[in-house]
Amino acid sequence: MAVKLHRCKNLWVKGPHPCWKVQKALDEQGVNYEVVKEKYLGTREETVRRTGQKRFPWVEFEDGSVYREESKDMAQRIGEGKLTEAPRSQPPTASAA
């Protein structure tokens, strides 16, 4: 399964950092993923549009659906090998013109 990990651009931050927790869990489970570096500061329009809030990290699946919980919960789910069972939000639909 190829997914996209949307996280802050500060890839060098390790330890208790939320984005690092989730990325580490993906690494440990051998999940194939692409890192999408997002703005650290600012309005985070794409994140809000896709998840309904400004917080990182979040996972985008191949079908465009997204998964977002608190990082400790995300890391736990991924660590248990249950990423595919994660609750997902569907991609926003284009508004009719």
PDB file of N, CA and C in Angstrom:
ATOM      1  N   MET A   1       0.850  -1.176   0.000  1.00  0.00           N
ATOM      2  CA  MET A   1       0.000   0.000   0.000  1.00  0.00           C
ATOM      3  C   MET A   1       0.892   1.235   0.000  1.00  0.00           C
ATOM      4  N   ALA A   2       0.698   2.094  -0.949  1.00  0.00           N
ATOM      5  CA  ALA A   2       1.430   3.360  -0.981  1.00  0.00           C
ATOM      6  C   ALA A   2       0.511   4.447  -0.432  1.00  0.00           C
ATOM      7  N   VAL A   3       1.010   5.173   0.552  1.00  0.00           N
ATOM      8  CA  VAL A   3       0.254   6.270   1.140  1.00  0.00           C
ATOM      9  C   VAL A   3       1.132   7.511   1.143  1.00  0.00           C
ATOM     10  N   LYS A   4       0.518   8.640   1.444  1.00  0.00           N
ATOM     11  CA  LYS A   4       1.257   9.889   1.595  1.00  0.00           C
ATOM     12  C   LYS A   4       1.137  10.336   3.039  1.00  0.00           C
ATOM     13  N   LEU A   5       2.268  10.627   3.650  1.00  0.00           N
ATOM     14  CA  LEU A   5       2.304  11.158   5.002  1.00  0.00           C
ATOM     15  C   LEU A   5       2.451  12.667   4.903  1.00  0.00           C
ATOM     16  N   HIS A   6       1.424  13.380   5.251  1.00  0.00           N
ATOM     17  CA  HIS A   6       1.471  14.846   5.266  1.00  0.00           C
ATOM     18  C   HIS A   6       1.949  15.256   6.647  1.00  0.00           C
ATOM     19  N   ARG A   7       3.077  15.951   6.666  1.00  0.00           N
ATOM     20  CA  ARG A   7       3.691  16.346   7.930  1.00  0.00           C
ATOM     21  C   ARG A   7       4.377  17.683   7.774  1.00  0.00           C
ATOM     22  N   CYS A   8       4.867  18.213   8.898  1.00  0.00           N
ATOM     23  CA  CYS A   8       5.590  19.479   8.823  1.00  0.00           C
ATOM     24  C   CYS A   8       6.915  19.267   8.097  1.00  0.00           C
ATOM     25  N   LYS A   9       7.489  20.352   7.647  1.00  0.00           N
ATOM     26  CA  LYS A   9       8.727  20.279   6.873  1.00  0.00           C
ATOM     27  C   LYS A   9       9.957  20.023   7.732  1.00  0.00           C
ATOM     28  N   ASN A  10       9.817  20.033   9.049  1.00  0.00           N
ATOM     29  CA  ASN A  10      10.958  19.872   9.952  1.00  0.00           C
ATOM     30  C   ASN A  10      11.311  18.397  10.139  1.00  0.00           C
ATOM     31  N   LEU A  11      11.830  17.782   9.087  1.00  0.00           N
ATOM     32  CA  LEU A  11      12.145  16.359   9.113  1.00  0.00           C
ATOM     33  C   LEU A  11      13.248  16.013  10.114  1.00  0.00           C
ATOM     34  N   TRP A  12      14.033  16.980  10.501  1.00  0.00           N
ATOM     35  CA  TRP A  12      15.146  16.738  11.420  1.00  0.00           C
ATOM     36  C   TRP A  12      14.689  16.585  12.869  1.00  0.00           C
ATOM     37  N   VAL A  13      13.455  17.007  13.192  1.00  0.00           N
ATOM     38  CA  VAL A  13      12.966  16.931  14.568  1.00  0.00           C
ATOM     39  C   VAL A  13      12.540  15.491  14.858  1.00  0.00           C
ATOM     40  N   LYS A  14      13.119  14.912  15.903  1.00  0.00           N
ATOM     41  CA  LYS A  14      12.811  13.521  16.281  1.00  0.00           C
ATOM     42  C   LYS A  14      12.136  13.528  17.645  1.00  0.00           C
ATOM     43  N   GLY A  15      12.318  12.450  18.399  1.00  0.00           N
ATOM     44  CA  GLY A  15      11.826  12.389  19.768  1.00  0.00           C
ATOM     45  C   GLY A  15      10.319  12.387  19.866  1.00  0.00           C
ATOM     46  N   PRO A  16       9.766  13.204  20.747  1.00  0.00           N
ATOM     47  CA  PRO A  16       8.319  13.157  20.968  1.00  0.00           C
ATOM     48  C   PRO A  16       7.502  13.929  19.941  1.00  0.00           C
ATOM     49  N   HIS A  17       8.143  14.450  18.919  1.00  0.00           N
ATOM     50  CA  HIS A  17       7.454  15.250  17.908  1.00  0.00           C
ATOM     51  C   HIS A  17       6.348  14.414  17.241  1.00  0.00           C
ATOM     52  N   PRO A  18       5.123  14.962  17.121  1.00  0.00           N
ATOM     53  CA  PRO A  18       3.994  14.203  16.567  1.00  0.00           C
ATOM     54  C   PRO A  18       4.248  13.626  15.177  1.00  0.00           C
ATOM     55  N   CYS A  19       4.814  14.420  14.289  1.00  0.00           N
ATOM     56  CA  CYS A  19       5.055  13.937  12.926  1.00  0.00           C
ATOM     57  C   CYS A  19       6.059  12.785  12.932  1.00  0.00           C
ATOM     58  N   TRP A  20       7.075  12.902  13.767  1.00  0.00           N
ATOM     59  CA  TRP A  20       8.097  11.862  13.848  1.00  0.00           C
ATOM     60  C   TRP A  20       7.518  10.563  14.396  1.00  0.00           C
ATOM     61  N   LYS A  21       6.645  10.641  15.386  1.00  0.00           N
ATOM     62  CA  LYS A  21       6.034   9.431  15.953  1.00  0.00           C
ATOM     63  C   LYS A  21       5.348   8.608  14.866  1.00  0.00           C
ATOM     64  N   VAL A  22       4.575   9.278  14.044  1.00  0.00           N
ATOM     65  CA  VAL A  22       3.822   8.586  12.997  1.00  0.00           C
ATOM     66  C   VAL A  22       4.762   8.090  11.902  1.00  0.00           C
ATOM     67  N   GLN A  23       5.723   8.902  11.505  1.00  0.00           N
ATOM     68  CA  GLN A  23       6.658   8.480  10.474  1.00  0.00           C
ATOM     69  C   GLN A  23       7.463   7.269  10.948  1.00  0.00           C
ATOM     70  N   LYS A  24       7.890   7.273  12.192  1.00  0.00           N
ATOM     71  CA  LYS A  24       8.642   6.156  12.760  1.00  0.00           C
ATOM     72  C   LYS A  24       7.797   4.881  12.759  1.00  0.00           C
ATOM     73  N   ALA A  25       6.521   4.997  13.123  1.00  0.00           N
ATOM     74  CA  ALA A  25       5.633   3.837  13.122  1.00  0.00           C
ATOM     75  C   ALA A  25       5.485   3.270  11.704  1.00  0.00           C
ATOM     76  N   LEU A  26       5.348   4.152  10.719  1.00  0.00           N
ATOM     77  CA  LEU A  26       5.263   3.694   9.324  1.00  0.00           C
ATOM     78  C   LEU A  26       6.535   2.962   8.928  1.00  0.00           C
ATOM     79  N   ASP A  27       7.689   3.523   9.304  1.00  0.00           N
ATOM     80  CA  ASP A  27       8.976   2.882   9.002  1.00  0.00           C
ATOM     81  C   ASP A  27       9.058   1.500   9.645  1.00  0.00           C
ATOM     82  N   GLU A  28       8.702   1.428  10.924  1.00  0.00           N
ATOM     83  CA  GLU A  28       8.808   0.166  11.658  1.00  0.00           C
ATOM     84  C   GLU A  28       7.884  -0.909  11.103  1.00  0.00           C
ATOM     85  N   GLN A  29       6.759  -0.516  10.530  1.00  0.00           N
ATOM     86  CA  GLN A  29       5.823  -1.479   9.948  1.00  0.00           C
ATOM     87  C   GLN A  29       6.110  -1.771   8.479  1.00  0.00           C
ATOM     88  N   GLY A  30       7.100  -1.081   7.917  1.00  0.00           N
ATOM     89  CA  GLY A  30       7.462  -1.311   6.523  1.00  0.00           C
ATOM     90  C   GLY A  30       6.430  -0.809   5.530  1.00  0.00           C
ATOM     91  N   VAL A  31       5.677   0.215   5.933  1.00  0.00           N
ATOM     92  CA  VAL A  31       4.659   0.790   5.052  1.00  0.00           C
ATOM     93  C   VAL A  31       5.353   1.654   4.005  1.00  0.00           C
ATOM     94  N   ASN A  32       4.988   1.458   2.766  1.00  0.00           N
ATOM     95  CA  ASN A  32       5.517   2.261   1.664  1.00  0.00           C
ATOM     96  C   ASN A  32       4.778   3.598   1.670  1.00  0.00           C
ATOM     97  N   TYR A  33       5.507   4.692   1.852  1.00  0.00           N
ATOM     98  CA  TYR A  33       4.872   6.001   1.916  1.00  0.00           C
ATOM     99  C   TYR A  33       5.754   7.067   1.291  1.00  0.00           C
ATOM    100  N   GLU A  34       5.108   8.153   0.938  1.00  0.00           N
ATOM    101  CA  GLU A  34       5.785   9.343   0.413  1.00  0.00           C
ATOM    102  C   GLU A  34       5.556  10.458   1.426  1.00  0.00           C
ATOM    103  N   VAL A  35       6.599  11.204   1.743  1.00  0.00           N
ATOM    104  CA  VAL A  35       6.461  12.343   2.653  1.00  0.00           C
ATOM    105  C   VAL A  35       6.037  13.568   1.851  1.00  0.00           C
ATOM    106  N   VAL A  36       4.981  14.212   2.305  1.00  0.00           N
ATOM    107  CA  VAL A  36       4.530  15.478   1.723  1.00  0.00           C
ATOM    108  C   VAL A  36       4.778  16.531   2.793  1.00  0.00           C
ATOM    109  N   LYS A  37       5.777  17.375   2.541  1.00  0.00           N
ATOM    110  CA  LYS A  37       6.128  18.416   3.509  1.00  0.00           C
ATOM    111  C   LYS A  37       5.176  19.594   3.364  1.00  0.00           C
ATOM    112  N   GLU A  38       4.560  19.945   4.469  1.00  0.00           N
ATOM    113  CA  GLU A  38       3.595  21.041   4.495  1.00  0.00           C
ATOM    114  C   GLU A  38       4.196  22.233   5.241  1.00  0.00           C
ATOM    115  N   LYS A  39       3.530  23.370   5.125  1.00  0.00           N
ATOM    116  CA  LYS A  39       3.963  24.575   5.847  1.00  0.00           C
ATOM    117  C   LYS A  39       3.942  24.331   7.349  1.00  0.00           C
ATOM    118  N   TYR A  40       4.987  24.773   8.037  1.00  0.00           N
ATOM    119  CA  TYR A  40       5.032  24.640   9.486  1.00  0.00           C
ATOM    120  C   TYR A  40       4.130  25.689  10.139  1.00  0.00           C
ATOM    121  N   LEU A  41       4.175  26.897   9.606  1.00  0.00           N
ATOM    122  CA  LEU A  41       3.359  27.995  10.123  1.00  0.00           C
ATOM    123  C   LEU A  41       2.371  28.432   9.054  1.00  0.00           C
ATOM    124  N   GLY A  42       1.367  29.147   9.470  1.00  0.00           N
ATOM    125  CA  GLY A  42       0.430  29.686   8.492  1.00  0.00           C
ATOM    126  C   GLY A  42      -0.922  29.025   8.562  1.00  0.00           C
ATOM    127  N   THR A  43      -1.709  29.233   7.529  1.00  0.00           N
ATOM    128  CA  THR A  43      -3.106  28.807   7.550  1.00  0.00           C
ATOM    129  C   THR A  43      -3.311  27.327   7.217  1.00  0.00           C
ATOM    130  N   ARG A  44      -2.382  26.719   6.527  1.00  0.00           N
ATOM    131  CA  ARG A  44      -2.463  25.286   6.173  1.00  0.00           C
ATOM    132  C   ARG A  44      -3.780  24.963   5.476  1.00  0.00           C
ATOM    133  N   GLU A  45      -4.067  25.679   4.416  1.00  0.00           N
ATOM    134  CA  GLU A  45      -5.343  25.551   3.716  1.00  0.00           C
ATOM    135  C   GLU A  45      -5.651  24.119   3.300  1.00  0.00           C
ATOM    136  N   GLU A  46      -4.681  23.424   2.713  1.00  0.00           N
ATOM    137  CA  GLU A  46      -4.906  22.052   2.234  1.00  0.00           C
ATOM    138  C   GLU A  46      -5.235  21.114   3.391  1.00  0.00           C
ATOM    139  N   THR A  47      -4.515  21.249   4.485  1.00  0.00           N
ATOM    140  CA  THR A  47      -4.762  20.396   5.653  1.00  0.00           C
ATOM    141  C   THR A  47      -6.159  20.652   6.206  1.00  0.00           C
ATOM    142  N   VAL A  48      -6.547  21.897   6.323  1.00  0.00           N
ATOM    143  CA  VAL A  48      -7.888  22.231   6.826  1.00  0.00           C
ATOM    144  C   VAL A  48      -8.955  21.708   5.872  1.00  0.00           C
ATOM    145  N   ARG A  49      -8.741  21.890   4.593  1.00  0.00           N
ATOM    146  CA  ARG A  49      -9.718  21.441   3.596  1.00  0.00           C
ATOM    147  C   ARG A  49      -9.885  19.922   3.629  1.00  0.00           C
ATOM    148  N   ARG A  50      -8.788  19.212   3.816  1.00  0.00           N
ATOM    149  CA  ARG A  50      -8.835  17.753   3.761  1.00  0.00           C
ATOM    150  C   ARG A  50      -9.197  17.085   5.080  1.00  0.00           C
ATOM    151  N   THR A  51      -8.806  17.717   6.225  1.00  0.00           N
ATOM    152  CA  THR A  51      -9.018  17.060   7.517  1.00  0.00           C
ATOM    153  C   THR A  51     -10.004  17.798   8.419  1.00  0.00           C
ATOM    154  N   GLY A  52     -10.300  19.048   8.091  1.00  0.00           N
ATOM    155  CA  GLY A  52     -11.195  19.831   8.923  1.00  0.00           C
ATOM    156  C   GLY A  52     -10.502  20.556  10.052  1.00  0.00           C
ATOM    157  N   GLN A  53      -9.186  20.449  10.126  1.00  0.00           N
ATOM    158  CA  GLN A  53      -8.432  21.161  11.161  1.00  0.00           C
ATOM    159  C   GLN A  53      -6.997  21.382  10.696  1.00  0.00           C
ATOM    160  N   LYS A  54      -6.188  22.081  11.501  1.00  0.00           N
ATOM    161  CA  LYS A  54      -4.849  22.505  11.075  1.00  0.00           C
ATOM    162  C   LYS A  54      -3.707  21.577  11.486  1.00  0.00           C
ATOM    163  N   ARG A  55      -3.973  20.535  12.224  1.00  0.00           N
ATOM    164  CA  ARG A  55      -2.897  19.765  12.848  1.00  0.00           C
ATOM    165  C   ARG A  55      -2.302  18.695  11.946  1.00  0.00           C
ATOM    166  N   PHE A  56      -1.010  18.479  12.134  1.00  0.00           N
ATOM    167  CA  PHE A  56      -0.271  17.399  11.488  1.00  0.00           C
ATOM    168  C   PHE A  56      -0.038  16.305  12.510  1.00  0.00           C
ATOM    169  N   PRO A  57       0.307  15.133  12.060  1.00  0.00           N
ATOM    170  CA  PRO A  57       0.344  14.629  10.694  1.00  0.00           C
ATOM    171  C   PRO A  57      -1.015  14.066  10.272  1.00  0.00           C
ATOM    172  N   TRP A  58      -1.101  13.753   8.988  1.00  0.00           N
ATOM    173  CA  TRP A  58      -2.262  13.038   8.469  1.00  0.00           C
ATOM    174  C   TRP A  58      -1.815  12.187   7.297  1.00  0.00           C
ATOM    175  N   VAL A  59      -2.580  11.132   7.043  1.00  0.00           N
ATOM    176  CA  VAL A  59      -2.239  10.175   5.999  1.00  0.00           C
ATOM    177  C   VAL A  59      -3.281  10.260   4.893  1.00  0.00           C
ATOM    178  N   GLU A  60      -2.792  10.284   3.672  1.00  0.00           N
ATOM    179  CA  GLU A  60      -3.659  10.261   2.485  1.00  0.00           C
ATOM    180  C   GLU A  60      -3.499   8.909   1.809  1.00  0.00           C
ATOM    181  N   PHE A  61      -4.603   8.224   1.585  1.00  0.00           N
ATOM    182  CA  PHE A  61      -4.583   6.924   0.928  1.00  0.00           C
ATOM    183  C   PHE A  61      -4.680   7.095  -0.586  1.00  0.00           C
ATOM    184  N   GLU A  62      -4.408   6.014  -1.303  1.00  0.00           N
ATOM    185  CA  GLU A  62      -4.405   6.054  -2.769  1.00  0.00           C
ATOM    186  C   GLU A  62      -5.733   6.516  -3.357  1.00  0.00           C
ATOM    187  N   ASP A  63      -6.837   6.230  -2.665  1.00  0.00           N
ATOM    188  CA  ASP A  63      -8.154   6.621  -3.179  1.00  0.00           C
ATOM    189  C   ASP A  63      -8.514   8.072  -2.849  1.00  0.00           C
ATOM    190  N   GLY A  64      -7.583   8.801  -2.199  1.00  0.00           N
ATOM    191  CA  GLY A  64      -7.819  10.197  -1.853  1.00  0.00           C
ATOM    192  C   GLY A  64      -8.416  10.406  -0.481  1.00  0.00           C
ATOM    193  N   SER A  65      -8.821   9.311   0.190  1.00  0.00           N
ATOM    194  CA  SER A  65      -9.363   9.443   1.538  1.00  0.00           C
ATOM    195  C   SER A  65      -8.217   9.755   2.506  1.00  0.00           C
ATOM    196  N   VAL A  66      -8.570  10.329   3.656  1.00  0.00           N
ATOM    197  CA  VAL A  66      -7.546  10.739   4.618  1.00  0.00           C
ATOM    198  C   VAL A  66      -7.845  10.183   6.005  1.00  0.00           C
ATOM    199  N   TYR A  67      -6.771  10.019   6.761  1.00  0.00           N
ATOM    200  CA  TYR A  67      -6.847   9.532   8.134  1.00  0.00           C
ATOM    201  C   TYR A  67      -6.103  10.512   9.023  1.00  0.00           C
ATOM    202  N   ARG A  68      -6.792  10.963  10.077  1.00  0.00           N
ATOM    203  CA  ARG A  68      -6.189  11.900  11.032  1.00  0.00           C
ATOM    204  C   ARG A  68      -6.739  11.633  12.421  1.00  0.00           C
ATOM    205  N   GLU A  69      -5.844  11.389  13.361  1.00  0.00           N
ATOM    206  CA  GLU A  69      -6.153  11.297  14.787  1.00  0.00           C
ATOM    207  C   GLU A  69      -4.976  11.935  15.504  1.00  0.00           C
ATOM    208  N   GLU A  70      -5.011  11.947  16.813  1.00  0.00           N
ATOM    209  CA  GLU A  70      -3.844  12.395  17.566  1.00  0.00           C
ATOM    210  C   GLU A  70      -2.680  11.481  17.199  1.00  0.00           C
ATOM    211  N   SER A  71      -1.469  12.015  17.171  1.00  0.00           N
ATOM    212  CA  SER A  71      -0.317  11.249  16.694  1.00  0.00           C
ATOM    213  C   SER A  71      -0.082   9.974  17.495  1.00  0.00           C
ATOM    214  N   LYS A  72      -0.306  10.019  18.804  1.00  0.00           N
ATOM    215  CA  LYS A  72      -0.087   8.804  19.605  1.00  0.00           C
ATOM    216  C   LYS A  72      -1.065   7.709  19.191  1.00  0.00           C
ATOM    217  N   ASP A  73      -2.286   8.087  18.864  1.00  0.00           N
ATOM    218  CA  ASP A  73      -3.288   7.117  18.417  1.00  0.00           C
ATOM    219  C   ASP A  73      -2.965   6.599  17.018  1.00  0.00           C
ATOM    220  N   MET A  74      -2.503   7.501  16.161  1.00  0.00           N
ATOM    221  CA  MET A  74      -2.101   7.088  14.816  1.00  0.00           C
ATOM    222  C   MET A  74      -0.931   6.115  14.897  1.00  0.00           C
ATOM    223  N   ALA A  75       0.084   6.454  15.691  1.00  0.00           N
ATOM    224  CA  ALA A  75       1.269   5.601  15.822  1.00  0.00           C
ATOM    225  C   ALA A  75       0.885   4.235  16.387  1.00  0.00           C
ATOM    226  N   GLN A  76      -0.017   4.214  17.347  1.00  0.00           N
ATOM    227  CA  GLN A  76      -0.447   2.945  17.927  1.00  0.00           C
ATOM    228  C   GLN A  76      -1.153   2.081  16.883  1.00  0.00           C
ATOM    229  N   ARG A  77      -2.082   2.670  16.157  1.00  0.00           N
ATOM    230  CA  ARG A  77      -2.819   1.929  15.126  1.00  0.00           C
ATOM    231  C   ARG A  77      -1.864   1.385  14.069  1.00  0.00           C
ATOM    232  N   ILE A  78      -0.948   2.228  13.618  1.00  0.00           N
ATOM    233  CA  ILE A  78       0.011   1.795  12.602  1.00  0.00           C
ATOM    234  C   ILE A  78       0.891   0.689  13.166  1.00  0.00           C
ATOM    235  N   GLY A  79       1.361   0.857  14.412  1.00  0.00           N
ATOM    236  CA  GLY A  79       2.207  -0.140  15.065  1.00  0.00           C
ATOM    237  C   GLY A  79       1.522  -1.488  15.229  1.00  0.00           C
ATOM    238  N   GLU A  80       0.204  -1.472  15.353  1.00  0.00           N
ATOM    239  CA  GLU A  80      -0.574  -2.708  15.469  1.00  0.00           C
ATOM    240  C   GLU A  80      -0.891  -3.311  14.100  1.00  0.00           C
ATOM    241  N   GLY A  81      -0.411  -2.655  13.030  1.00  0.00           N
ATOM    242  CA  GLY A  81      -0.647  -3.164  11.687  1.00  0.00           C
ATOM    243  C   GLY A  81      -2.065  -2.946  11.200  1.00  0.00           C
ATOM    244  N   LYS A  82      -2.743  -1.927  11.732  1.00  0.00           N
ATOM    245  CA  LYS A  82      -4.148  -1.696  11.406  1.00  0.00           C
ATOM    246  C   LYS A  82      -4.390  -0.396  10.647  1.00  0.00           C
ATOM    247  N   LEU A  83      -3.400   0.056   9.903  1.00  0.00           N
ATOM    248  CA  LEU A  83      -3.565   1.300   9.155  1.00  0.00           C
ATOM    249  C   LEU A  83      -4.721   1.200   8.162  1.00  0.00           C
ATOM    250  N   THR A  84      -4.860   0.066   7.513  1.00  0.00           N
ATOM    251  CA  THR A  84      -5.926  -0.082   6.516  1.00  0.00           C
ATOM    252  C   THR A  84      -7.313  -0.046   7.147  1.00  0.00           C
ATOM    253  N   GLU A  85      -7.395  -0.273   8.468  1.00  0.00           N
ATOM    254  CA  GLU A  85      -8.677  -0.240   9.173  1.00  0.00           C
ATOM    255  C   GLU A  85      -8.979   1.134   9.769  1.00  0.00           C
ATOM    256  N   ALA A  86      -8.103   2.100   9.545  1.00  0.00           N
ATOM    257  CA  ALA A  86      -8.253   3.433  10.126  1.00  0.00           C
ATOM    258  C   ALA A  86      -9.514   4.118   9.618  1.00  0.00           C
ATOM    259  N   PRO A  87     -10.157   4.906  10.486  1.00  0.00           N
ATOM    260  CA  PRO A  87     -11.316   5.689  10.028  1.00  0.00           C
ATOM    261  C   PRO A  87     -10.853   6.725   9.011  1.00  0.00           C
ATOM    262  N   ARG A  88     -11.579   6.830   7.932  1.00  0.00           N
ATOM    263  CA  ARG A  88     -11.168   7.728   6.846  1.00  0.00           C
ATOM    264  C   ARG A  88     -12.237   8.749   6.521  1.00  0.00           C
ATOM    265  N   SER A  89     -11.765   9.918   6.107  1.00  0.00           N
ATOM    266  CA  SER A  89     -12.635  10.945   5.546  1.00  0.00           C
ATOM    267  C   SER A  89     -12.463  10.884   4.043  1.00  0.00           C
ATOM    268  N   GLN A  90     -13.542  11.038   3.342  1.00  0.00           N
ATOM    269  CA  GLN A  90     -13.478  11.000   1.886  1.00  0.00           C
ATOM    270  C   GLN A  90     -12.975  12.323   1.356  1.00  0.00           C
ATOM    271  N   PRO A  91     -12.358  12.313   0.163  1.00  0.00           N
ATOM    272  CA  PRO A  91     -11.873  13.561  -0.417  1.00  0.00           C
ATOM    273  C   PRO A  91     -13.026  14.515  -0.670  1.00  0.00           C
ATOM    274  N   PRO A  92     -12.757  15.820  -0.528  1.00  0.00           N
ATOM    275  CA  PRO A  92     -13.815  16.796  -0.796  1.00  0.00           C
ATOM    276  C   PRO A  92     -14.212  16.748  -2.273  1.00  0.00           C
ATOM    277  N   THR A  93     -15.475  16.976  -2.518  1.00  0.00           N
ATOM    278  CA  THR A  93     -15.944  16.992  -3.898  1.00  0.00           C
ATOM    279  C   THR A  93     -15.827  18.391  -4.464  1.00  0.00           C
ATOM    280  N   ALA A  94     -15.617  18.457  -5.744  1.00  0.00           N
ATOM    281  CA  ALA A  94     -15.533  19.776  -6.390  1.00  0.00           C
ATOM    282  C   ALA A  94     -16.915  20.398  -6.396  1.00  0.00           C
ATOM    283  N   SER A  95     -16.962  21.671  -6.078  1.00  0.00           N
ATOM    284  CA  SER A  95     -18.270  22.347  -6.061  1.00  0.00           C
ATOM    285  C   SER A  95     -18.734  22.590  -7.490  1.00  0.00           C
ATOM    286  N   ALA A  96     -20.005  22.508  -7.679  1.00  0.00           N
ATOM    287  CA  ALA A  96     -20.581  22.729  -9.015  1.00  0.00           C
ATOM    288  C   ALA A  96     -20.474  24.207  -9.362  1.00  0.00           C
ATOM    289  N   ALA A  97     -20.095  24.476 -10.577  1.00  0.00           N
ATOM    290  CA  ALA A  97     -19.931  25.870 -10.999  1.00  0.00           C
ATOM    291  C   ALA A  97     -21.193  26.393 -11.627  1.00  0.00           C
TER     292      ALA A  97
END
